[in-house]
């Protein structure tokens, strides 16, 4: 059994190698121009590596091409694995699997939910500021004996 620190170091190294190969243009596929490697995980036996990636659009308003990026990464997996083997020096080069990183989308959705909750809270606060009690102001006051 390999310790977790070694697996984490290997994952970081694999992430750096793959990100460098994609970013430097060593993989000459235009579908990878807007791909960013965000994280990597290596199994405990160091035989399998999962790399997480995000895809940006051509512009801020453009929809990212997830299918094209996925196809390009699958096509480049063999070459990237060769680079990982040469760059890590481990006895067995891990297999590479790519998975879309959903953390940025989840964070954006959470920010939208928080903004909606704040807007709702502000609306309730404005309504409460002008509200008057329905009935007496102090319904629990003691009535004088008659």
N, C-alpha and C. Protein backbone atom coordinates (compact mmCIF):
# COMPACT_ATOMS: atom_id res chain seq x y z
N UNK A 1 0.85 -1.19 0.00
CA UNK A 1 0.00 0.00 0.00
C UNK A 1 0.89 1.24 0.00
N UNK A 2 0.57 2.17 -0.86
CA UNK A 2 1.34 3.39 -1.00
C UNK A 2 0.71 4.46 -0.10
N UNK A 3 1.55 5.26 0.52
CA UNK A 3 0.99 6.29 1.41
C UNK A 3 0.34 7.40 0.58
N UNK A 4 -0.61 8.09 1.20
CA UNK A 4 -1.40 9.11 0.52
C UNK A 4 -0.56 10.31 0.09
N UNK A 5 0.51 10.60 0.83
CA UNK A 5 1.36 11.74 0.47
C UNK A 5 2.04 11.50 -0.87
N UNK A 6 2.47 10.27 -1.10
CA UNK A 6 3.12 9.97 -2.38
C UNK A 6 2.11 10.05 -3.53
N UNK A 7 0.91 9.55 -3.30
CA UNK A 7 -0.13 9.64 -4.33
C UNK A 7 -0.48 11.10 -4.62
N UNK A 8 -0.52 11.93 -3.59
CA UNK A 8 -0.83 13.35 -3.79
C UNK A 8 0.29 14.05 -4.56
N UNK A 9 1.54 13.72 -4.24
CA UNK A 9 2.67 14.32 -4.98
C UNK A 9 2.65 13.90 -6.45
N UNK A 10 2.35 12.62 -6.69
CA UNK A 10 2.29 12.13 -8.06
C UNK A 10 1.13 12.80 -8.81
N UNK A 11 0.00 12.96 -8.15
CA UNK A 11 -1.16 13.62 -8.78
C UNK A 11 -0.82 15.05 -9.16
N UNK A 12 -0.14 15.75 -8.28
CA UNK A 12 0.25 17.14 -8.56
C UNK A 12 1.21 17.19 -9.75
N UNK A 13 2.15 16.27 -9.79
CA UNK A 13 3.12 16.23 -10.89
C UNK A 13 2.43 15.90 -12.21
N UNK A 14 1.52 14.93 -12.19
CA UNK A 14 0.78 14.56 -13.41
C UNK A 14 -0.03 15.75 -13.90
N UNK A 15 -0.69 16.44 -12.97
CA UNK A 15 -1.48 17.61 -13.32
C UNK A 15 -0.61 18.67 -13.99
N UNK A 16 0.56 18.91 -13.44
CA UNK A 16 1.47 19.92 -14.02
C UNK A 16 1.95 19.51 -15.41
N UNK A 17 2.27 18.24 -15.60
CA UNK A 17 2.76 17.77 -16.90
C UNK A 17 1.68 17.91 -17.97
N UNK A 18 0.47 17.46 -17.64
CA UNK A 18 -0.63 17.51 -18.61
C UNK A 18 -1.02 18.97 -18.90
N UNK A 19 -1.11 19.79 -17.86
CA UNK A 19 -1.46 21.19 -18.06
C UNK A 19 -0.41 21.90 -18.92
N UNK A 20 0.85 21.59 -18.67
CA UNK A 20 1.92 22.20 -19.46
C UNK A 20 1.85 21.77 -20.92
N UNK A 21 1.57 20.51 -21.16
CA UNK A 21 1.48 20.01 -22.54
C UNK A 21 0.31 20.66 -23.28
N UNK A 22 -0.79 20.84 -22.59
CA UNK A 22 -1.96 21.47 -23.21
C UNK A 22 -1.73 22.96 -23.40
N UNK A 23 -1.21 23.61 -22.37
CA UNK A 23 -1.01 25.06 -22.42
C UNK A 23 0.07 25.51 -23.38
N UNK A 24 1.12 24.71 -23.52
CA UNK A 24 2.23 25.12 -24.39
C UNK A 24 1.96 24.84 -25.86
N UNK A 25 0.87 24.16 -26.15
CA UNK A 25 0.57 23.86 -27.54
C UNK A 25 1.27 22.61 -28.04
N UNK A 26 1.84 21.82 -27.14
CA UNK A 26 2.49 20.58 -27.55
C UNK A 26 1.46 19.62 -28.16
N UNK A 27 0.24 19.67 -27.64
CA UNK A 27 -0.86 18.94 -28.24
C UNK A 27 -1.53 19.93 -29.19
N UNK A 28 -1.40 19.68 -30.47
CA UNK A 28 -1.84 20.65 -31.47
C UNK A 28 -3.29 20.41 -31.88
N UNK A 29 -4.17 20.47 -30.93
CA UNK A 29 -5.59 20.32 -31.22
C UNK A 29 -6.28 21.62 -30.79
N UNK A 30 -6.90 22.33 -31.73
CA UNK A 30 -7.51 23.62 -31.38
C UNK A 30 -8.67 23.49 -30.38
N UNK A 31 -9.23 22.30 -30.24
CA UNK A 31 -10.33 22.11 -29.28
C UNK A 31 -9.83 22.19 -27.84
N UNK A 32 -8.51 22.10 -27.65
CA UNK A 32 -7.93 22.17 -26.30
C UNK A 32 -7.46 23.57 -25.93
N UNK A 33 -7.71 24.54 -26.80
CA UNK A 33 -7.23 25.91 -26.56
C UNK A 33 -7.81 26.52 -25.29
N UNK A 34 -9.01 26.14 -24.91
CA UNK A 34 -9.66 26.74 -23.75
C UNK A 34 -9.88 25.74 -22.61
N UNK A 35 -9.07 24.69 -22.60
CA UNK A 35 -9.16 23.67 -21.55
C UNK A 35 -8.14 23.98 -20.47
N UNK A 36 -8.59 23.87 -19.21
CA UNK A 36 -7.71 24.09 -18.06
C UNK A 36 -7.80 22.88 -17.15
N UNK A 37 -6.66 22.33 -16.79
CA UNK A 37 -6.62 21.22 -15.84
C UNK A 37 -6.72 21.83 -14.44
N UNK A 38 -7.73 21.42 -13.67
CA UNK A 38 -7.95 22.02 -12.36
C UNK A 38 -7.47 21.15 -11.20
N UNK A 39 -7.48 19.83 -11.38
CA UNK A 39 -7.11 18.95 -10.28
C UNK A 39 -6.77 17.58 -10.83
N UNK A 40 -6.10 16.78 -10.03
CA UNK A 40 -5.80 15.40 -10.40
C UNK A 40 -5.87 14.54 -9.15
N UNK A 41 -6.30 13.33 -9.33
CA UNK A 41 -6.35 12.35 -8.24
C UNK A 41 -5.73 11.07 -8.75
N UNK A 42 -4.93 10.44 -7.90
CA UNK A 42 -4.29 9.18 -8.25
C UNK A 42 -4.78 8.12 -7.27
N UNK A 43 -5.06 6.93 -7.80
CA UNK A 43 -5.53 5.85 -6.94
C UNK A 43 -4.42 5.44 -5.98
N UNK A 44 -4.80 4.73 -4.93
CA UNK A 44 -3.85 4.33 -3.89
C UNK A 44 -2.72 3.45 -4.40
N UNK A 45 -2.97 2.67 -5.45
CA UNK A 45 -1.92 1.81 -5.99
C UNK A 45 -1.12 2.49 -7.10
N UNK A 46 -1.40 3.77 -7.35
CA UNK A 46 -0.71 4.61 -8.34
C UNK A 46 -0.90 4.13 -9.79
N UNK A 47 -1.94 3.34 -10.04
CA UNK A 47 -2.14 2.81 -11.38
C UNK A 47 -3.13 3.61 -12.21
N UNK A 48 -3.96 4.41 -11.57
CA UNK A 48 -4.97 5.17 -12.29
C UNK A 48 -4.96 6.63 -11.84
N UNK A 49 -5.02 7.51 -12.81
CA UNK A 49 -5.08 8.95 -12.51
C UNK A 49 -6.32 9.53 -13.17
N UNK A 50 -7.06 10.33 -12.42
CA UNK A 50 -8.21 11.05 -12.95
C UNK A 50 -7.87 12.53 -12.93
N UNK A 51 -7.97 13.16 -14.09
CA UNK A 51 -7.69 14.58 -14.21
C UNK A 51 -9.00 15.32 -14.43
N UNK A 52 -9.20 16.38 -13.65
CA UNK A 52 -10.40 17.19 -13.76
C UNK A 52 -10.08 18.43 -14.57
N UNK A 53 -11.00 18.82 -15.44
CA UNK A 53 -10.76 19.96 -16.31
C UNK A 53 -12.00 20.83 -16.46
N UNK A 54 -11.77 22.08 -16.81
CA UNK A 54 -12.86 22.99 -17.16
C UNK A 54 -12.62 23.48 -18.58
N UNK A 55 -13.68 23.94 -19.19
CA UNK A 55 -13.60 24.46 -20.56
C UNK A 55 -14.23 25.84 -20.56
N UNK A 56 -13.51 26.80 -21.10
CA UNK A 56 -14.02 28.16 -21.23
C UNK A 56 -14.50 28.35 -22.66
N UNK A 57 -15.42 29.29 -22.85
CA UNK A 57 -15.90 29.61 -24.19
C UNK A 57 -14.92 30.54 -24.89
N UNK A 58 -15.14 30.72 -26.18
CA UNK A 58 -14.29 31.64 -26.97
C UNK A 58 -14.36 33.05 -26.40
N UNK A 59 -15.57 33.45 -25.98
CA UNK A 59 -15.78 34.74 -25.35
C UNK A 59 -16.53 34.50 -24.05
N UNK A 60 -16.77 35.56 -23.31
CA UNK A 60 -17.47 35.41 -22.03
C UNK A 60 -18.89 34.89 -22.23
N UNK A 61 -19.53 35.32 -23.31
CA UNK A 61 -20.92 34.93 -23.56
C UNK A 61 -21.04 33.62 -24.32
N UNK A 62 -19.94 33.12 -24.89
CA UNK A 62 -19.99 31.90 -25.69
C UNK A 62 -20.08 30.66 -24.80
N UNK A 63 -20.83 29.69 -25.28
CA UNK A 63 -20.99 28.43 -24.57
C UNK A 63 -19.74 27.57 -24.79
N UNK A 64 -19.18 26.98 -23.73
CA UNK A 64 -18.01 26.12 -23.88
C UNK A 64 -18.32 24.87 -24.69
N UNK A 65 -17.33 24.38 -25.42
CA UNK A 65 -17.49 23.17 -26.23
C UNK A 65 -16.99 21.97 -25.44
N UNK A 66 -17.85 21.45 -24.57
CA UNK A 66 -17.46 20.32 -23.72
C UNK A 66 -17.23 19.04 -24.53
N UNK A 67 -18.08 18.81 -25.53
CA UNK A 67 -17.96 17.58 -26.32
C UNK A 67 -16.65 17.58 -27.12
N UNK A 68 -16.33 18.73 -27.72
CA UNK A 68 -15.09 18.82 -28.49
C UNK A 68 -13.86 18.65 -27.61
N UNK A 69 -13.89 19.27 -26.43
CA UNK A 69 -12.76 19.16 -25.50
C UNK A 69 -12.61 17.72 -25.03
N UNK A 70 -13.72 17.07 -24.73
CA UNK A 70 -13.66 15.67 -24.29
C UNK A 70 -13.09 14.78 -25.38
N UNK A 71 -13.54 14.97 -26.60
CA UNK A 71 -13.03 14.18 -27.72
C UNK A 71 -11.54 14.42 -27.94
N UNK A 72 -11.11 15.67 -27.83
CA UNK A 72 -9.70 16.00 -28.01
C UNK A 72 -8.84 15.38 -26.91
N UNK A 73 -9.33 15.41 -25.68
CA UNK A 73 -8.57 14.80 -24.57
C UNK A 73 -8.47 13.29 -24.73
N UNK A 74 -9.55 12.67 -25.17
CA UNK A 74 -9.52 11.22 -25.39
C UNK A 74 -8.52 10.89 -26.50
N UNK A 75 -8.53 11.69 -27.56
CA UNK A 75 -7.61 11.48 -28.68
C UNK A 75 -6.15 11.66 -28.25
N UNK A 76 -5.90 12.59 -27.35
CA UNK A 76 -4.52 12.90 -26.92
C UNK A 76 -4.07 12.07 -25.72
N UNK A 77 -4.91 11.20 -25.19
CA UNK A 77 -4.58 10.47 -23.97
C UNK A 77 -3.28 9.66 -24.11
N UNK A 78 -3.09 9.00 -25.21
CA UNK A 78 -1.87 8.19 -25.40
C UNK A 78 -0.61 9.03 -25.34
N UNK A 79 -0.62 10.14 -26.05
CA UNK A 79 0.55 11.03 -26.05
C UNK A 79 0.77 11.63 -24.67
N UNK A 80 -0.32 12.05 -24.03
CA UNK A 80 -0.20 12.63 -22.68
C UNK A 80 0.33 11.59 -21.69
N UNK A 81 -0.10 10.35 -21.84
CA UNK A 81 0.39 9.29 -20.93
C UNK A 81 1.88 9.06 -21.15
N UNK A 82 2.33 9.14 -22.39
CA UNK A 82 3.78 9.01 -22.67
C UNK A 82 4.55 10.15 -21.99
N UNK A 83 4.02 11.35 -22.08
CA UNK A 83 4.67 12.49 -21.42
C UNK A 83 4.70 12.31 -19.91
N UNK A 84 3.61 11.81 -19.35
CA UNK A 84 3.54 11.57 -17.90
C UNK A 84 4.57 10.52 -17.50
N UNK A 85 4.68 9.46 -18.28
CA UNK A 85 5.67 8.41 -17.98
C UNK A 85 7.08 8.95 -18.01
N UNK A 86 7.39 9.76 -19.01
CA UNK A 86 8.73 10.33 -19.10
C UNK A 86 8.99 11.36 -18.00
N UNK A 87 7.95 12.08 -17.59
CA UNK A 87 8.12 13.16 -16.63
C UNK A 87 8.07 12.75 -15.17
N UNK A 88 7.53 11.58 -14.89
CA UNK A 88 7.41 11.18 -13.49
C UNK A 88 8.45 10.16 -13.06
N UNK A 89 8.88 9.32 -13.96
CA UNK A 89 9.89 8.32 -13.62
C UNK A 89 9.38 7.18 -12.75
N UNK A 90 8.06 6.97 -12.71
CA UNK A 90 7.53 5.85 -11.93
C UNK A 90 7.62 4.57 -12.77
N UNK A 91 7.61 3.44 -12.09
CA UNK A 91 7.76 2.16 -12.78
C UNK A 91 6.57 1.88 -13.68
N UNK A 92 5.38 2.15 -13.20
CA UNK A 92 4.18 1.93 -13.99
C UNK A 92 3.51 3.28 -14.23
N UNK A 93 3.37 3.65 -15.50
CA UNK A 93 2.72 4.92 -15.83
C UNK A 93 1.22 4.76 -15.64
N UNK A 94 0.61 5.61 -14.84
CA UNK A 94 -0.83 5.47 -14.58
C UNK A 94 -1.67 5.70 -15.84
N UNK A 95 -2.81 5.03 -15.88
CA UNK A 95 -3.76 5.31 -16.94
C UNK A 95 -4.37 6.68 -16.65
N UNK A 96 -4.75 7.38 -17.71
CA UNK A 96 -5.30 8.73 -17.54
C UNK A 96 -6.78 8.72 -17.92
N UNK A 97 -7.58 9.28 -17.05
CA UNK A 97 -9.01 9.48 -17.33
C UNK A 97 -9.31 10.95 -17.09
N UNK A 98 -10.18 11.50 -17.93
CA UNK A 98 -10.52 12.92 -17.82
C UNK A 98 -11.98 13.07 -17.43
N UNK A 99 -12.24 14.00 -16.51
CA UNK A 99 -13.59 14.24 -16.03
C UNK A 99 -13.81 15.74 -15.91
N UNK A 100 -14.96 16.19 -16.39
CA UNK A 100 -15.29 17.61 -16.31
C UNK A 100 -15.42 18.01 -14.85
N UNK A 101 -14.77 19.10 -14.49
CA UNK A 101 -14.82 19.61 -13.11
C UNK A 101 -16.08 20.45 -12.95
N UNK A 102 -16.97 20.02 -12.07
CA UNK A 102 -18.23 20.73 -11.89
C UNK A 102 -18.17 21.76 -10.77
N UNK A 103 -17.05 21.88 -10.10
CA UNK A 103 -16.94 22.82 -8.98
C UNK A 103 -17.21 24.27 -9.40
N UNK A 104 -16.65 24.77 -10.50
CA UNK A 104 -16.94 26.17 -10.88
C UNK A 104 -18.43 26.41 -11.15
N UNK A 105 -19.09 25.46 -11.82
CA UNK A 105 -20.52 25.62 -12.08
C UNK A 105 -21.32 25.58 -10.79
N UNK A 106 -20.96 24.69 -9.89
CA UNK A 106 -21.65 24.60 -8.61
C UNK A 106 -21.44 25.87 -7.81
N UNK A 107 -20.24 26.42 -7.82
CA UNK A 107 -19.96 27.67 -7.10
C UNK A 107 -20.79 28.81 -7.68
N UNK A 108 -20.90 28.88 -8.99
CA UNK A 108 -21.69 29.92 -9.64
C UNK A 108 -23.16 29.78 -9.24
N UNK A 109 -23.67 28.56 -9.23
CA UNK A 109 -25.06 28.33 -8.83
C UNK A 109 -25.28 28.73 -7.37
N UNK A 110 -24.33 28.41 -6.51
CA UNK A 110 -24.44 28.78 -5.11
C UNK A 110 -24.45 30.31 -4.95
N UNK A 111 -23.60 31.01 -5.71
CA UNK A 111 -23.57 32.47 -5.65
C UNK A 111 -24.91 33.05 -6.10
N UNK A 112 -25.51 32.47 -7.14
CA UNK A 112 -26.81 32.93 -7.59
C UNK A 112 -27.88 32.71 -6.52
N UNK A 113 -27.84 31.56 -5.86
CA UNK A 113 -28.80 31.28 -4.80
C UNK A 113 -28.64 32.24 -3.63
N UNK A 114 -27.40 32.52 -3.26
CA UNK A 114 -27.15 33.47 -2.16
C UNK A 114 -27.65 34.86 -2.55
N UNK A 115 -27.44 35.27 -3.79
CA UNK A 115 -27.90 36.59 -4.25
C UNK A 115 -29.43 36.65 -4.21
N UNK A 116 -30.10 35.56 -4.62
CA UNK A 116 -31.56 35.55 -4.56
C UNK A 116 -32.05 35.59 -3.13
N UNK A 117 -31.38 34.89 -2.22
CA UNK A 117 -31.77 34.89 -0.81
C UNK A 117 -31.59 36.29 -0.21
N UNK A 118 -30.49 36.98 -0.56
CA UNK A 118 -30.28 38.34 -0.06
C UNK A 118 -31.37 39.28 -0.55
N UNK A 119 -31.73 39.15 -1.83
CA UNK A 119 -32.78 40.00 -2.39
C UNK A 119 -34.11 39.73 -1.68
N UNK A 120 -34.39 38.48 -1.40
CA UNK A 120 -35.61 38.13 -0.68
C UNK A 120 -35.58 38.68 0.74
N UNK A 121 -34.45 38.59 1.40
CA UNK A 121 -34.31 39.14 2.76
C UNK A 121 -34.52 40.65 2.77
N UNK A 122 -33.97 41.34 1.77
CA UNK A 122 -34.14 42.78 1.68
C UNK A 122 -35.61 43.15 1.49
N UNK A 123 -36.32 42.38 0.67
CA UNK A 123 -37.74 42.62 0.44
C UNK A 123 -38.52 42.44 1.74
N UNK A 124 -38.23 41.37 2.47
CA UNK A 124 -38.92 41.12 3.74
C UNK A 124 -38.60 42.23 4.74
N UNK A 125 -37.35 42.69 4.78
CA UNK A 125 -36.97 43.77 5.71
C UNK A 125 -37.70 45.06 5.37
N UNK A 126 -37.85 45.38 4.08
CA UNK A 126 -38.58 46.58 3.68
C UNK A 126 -40.05 46.47 4.07
N UNK A 127 -40.63 45.30 3.87
CA UNK A 127 -42.03 45.11 4.23
C UNK A 127 -42.21 45.17 5.74
N UNK A 128 -41.27 44.64 6.50
CA UNK A 128 -41.37 44.63 7.96
C UNK A 128 -41.20 46.03 8.54
N UNK A 129 -40.45 46.89 7.86
CA UNK A 129 -40.23 48.24 8.36
C UNK A 129 -41.52 49.05 8.40
N UNK A 130 -42.40 48.82 7.45
CA UNK A 130 -43.66 49.57 7.38
C UNK A 130 -44.83 48.82 8.01
N UNK A 131 -44.60 47.66 8.54
CA UNK A 131 -45.70 46.82 9.05
C UNK A 131 -46.17 47.30 10.42
N UNK A 132 -47.44 47.10 10.64
CA UNK A 132 -48.05 47.40 11.94
C UNK A 132 -48.68 46.12 12.44
N UNK A 133 -48.71 45.93 13.75
CA UNK A 133 -49.29 44.69 14.26
C UNK A 133 -50.79 44.62 13.96
N UNK A 134 -51.27 43.43 13.70
CA UNK A 134 -52.70 43.22 13.46
C UNK A 134 -53.36 43.03 14.82
N UNK A 135 -54.01 44.00 15.33
CA UNK A 135 -54.61 43.91 16.66
C UNK A 135 -53.92 44.90 17.57
N UNK A 136 -53.92 44.60 18.85
CA UNK A 136 -53.31 45.49 19.82
C UNK A 136 -51.80 45.38 19.77
N UNK A 137 -51.15 46.48 20.14
CA UNK A 137 -49.69 46.50 20.12
C UNK A 137 -49.11 45.55 21.15
N UNK A 138 -49.77 45.41 22.31
CA UNK A 138 -49.28 44.53 23.37
C UNK A 138 -50.43 43.62 23.80
N UNK A 139 -50.62 42.49 23.13
CA UNK A 139 -51.76 41.64 23.43
C UNK A 139 -51.64 40.93 24.78
N UNK A 140 -50.51 40.95 25.44
CA UNK A 140 -50.31 40.23 26.69
C UNK A 140 -50.37 41.14 27.92
N UNK A 141 -50.80 42.36 27.75
CA UNK A 141 -50.86 43.26 28.91
C UNK A 141 -51.97 42.78 29.84
N UNK A 142 -51.80 43.11 31.06
CA UNK A 142 -52.80 42.71 32.06
C UNK A 142 -53.99 43.66 31.99
N UNK A 143 -55.17 43.07 31.99
CA UNK A 143 -56.40 43.87 32.01
C UNK A 143 -56.70 44.26 33.46
N UNK A 144 -57.03 45.50 33.71
CA UNK A 144 -57.41 45.88 35.08
C UNK A 144 -58.71 45.19 35.48
N UNK A 145 -58.81 44.88 36.75
CA UNK A 145 -60.02 44.22 37.23
C UNK A 145 -61.21 45.13 37.06
N UNK A 146 -62.33 44.62 36.66
CA UNK A 146 -63.52 45.44 36.48
C UNK A 146 -64.42 45.35 37.62
